[in-house]
Amino acid sequence: MEAHGSGRLLPRKRRKEDSNGEAEEGERPGKVSRCSVGLADPAPFSDELESDESTPYLRVSMEEAQKGTPPERPVRVYADGIFDVFHSGHARALMQAKGLFPNTYLIVGVCSDDLTHKFKGFTVMTEDERYDAVSHCRYVDEVVRNAPWTLTPEFLAEHRIDFVAHDDIPYSSAGSDDVYKHIKEAGMFAPTQRTEGISTSDIITRIVRNYDVYVRRNLQRGYTAKELNVSFINEKKYHLQERVDKVKRKVRDVEEKSKEFVQKVEEKSIDLIQKWEEKSREFIGNFLQMFGPEGALKHMLKEGRGRMLQAISPRQSPSSSPARERSPSPTFRLPFFSRTSPLHGVATTDPISEDEEDEE
């Protein structure tokens, strides 16, 4: 009775776990144009609708349904299930049922808690919660509460059902090898496909497998140990585990921040070393350029000496010039420079020319 859907009609990105627990990814559909096709109100319940007794109940054939029926006579398709912990597999099953024919009116039957607990097992959600969840599915036109476990001709006639949609895997229950066997023999069965990787049992298995994680999660969110049916000792154990995990997370955060800090320091150190090396090379180059063997300082000293000598001794006219005679060089007398005559022993001061000074 549990309804399932398929990923065949509209490929979607889905994560599935294989036998090793590794996740696989399915296909993602292409983008479609944006439109607003949602409904403003949930689907009504069948016991709240007025019954239509004005026209007799006449089923349409499969050929007529596939060709398309008039707007006032849609093909009435029925799909039933438990719909516990309503998930995408349920929604996709109902989407397939809704899309079986061009003009489809989808009726969905939801079994009560009594029938479900008797023939299948305990449910997570109550029957009212499951009724409400199905009524808010966009593909559903009408919801039948307290649906029967096995479909009878009276039930089919009461709801004017043309076809019954379900996956074609034999569903053994209530002492029958297939509860839909008589529907298939009557030509009223419209098969759908199951959605692999998602079911209510799978979701419950995930929770049971990670029981401690979800108990700690709810304790963290304010639920009491009594509400979670957890003993006093286990409650303290979970709180202690939560504190330990917090410390581990803090230590991990500190380690990550420390690594980031060390990495930044290393990067800055490398930058500083590179800049220091560049500045050092630049300083050494400038020093050698100024004070080296062929540096600018030596040229400056030579140039300064040359200018001093040029200032002391003016440039002479060339001797080859016929127009002008060579004028005697001006004498430069130094008061402390004197020459003693060997004959008379008298100190005399003679003028010393620039040429003599150069020779000395």
Foldseek 3Di string as FASTA:
>chain_A
DAFFAACVPPPDWDWFQDPVRDTDTTDHDDDDDDDDDFDDDFAEAPVVDDADPPDAQDADAPVDQAVPDDQVDAAEEEEEHACFPPDVGRLRRLVCRLPPGPGYAYEYEHAAQVVCCVKPRHGPDHQVVSQVVNRNRRSHNYYYYNDDPADDPVNCRRVSHRAYEHAPDADDIPPDRRSCVVRVVVNRYDYHDGYPRDDPVVVVVVCVVPVLVVVLVVVVVPDDCVVVVHDPVVVVVSVVVVVVVVVVVVVVVVVVVVVVVVVVVVVVVVVVVVVVVVVVVVVVVVCCQDPNPPHPVVVVVVVVVVVVVCVVDPDFDDCPDPVDHGDDADFDFDPVDWDADPPPRDIGRDTDGPVNVVVD
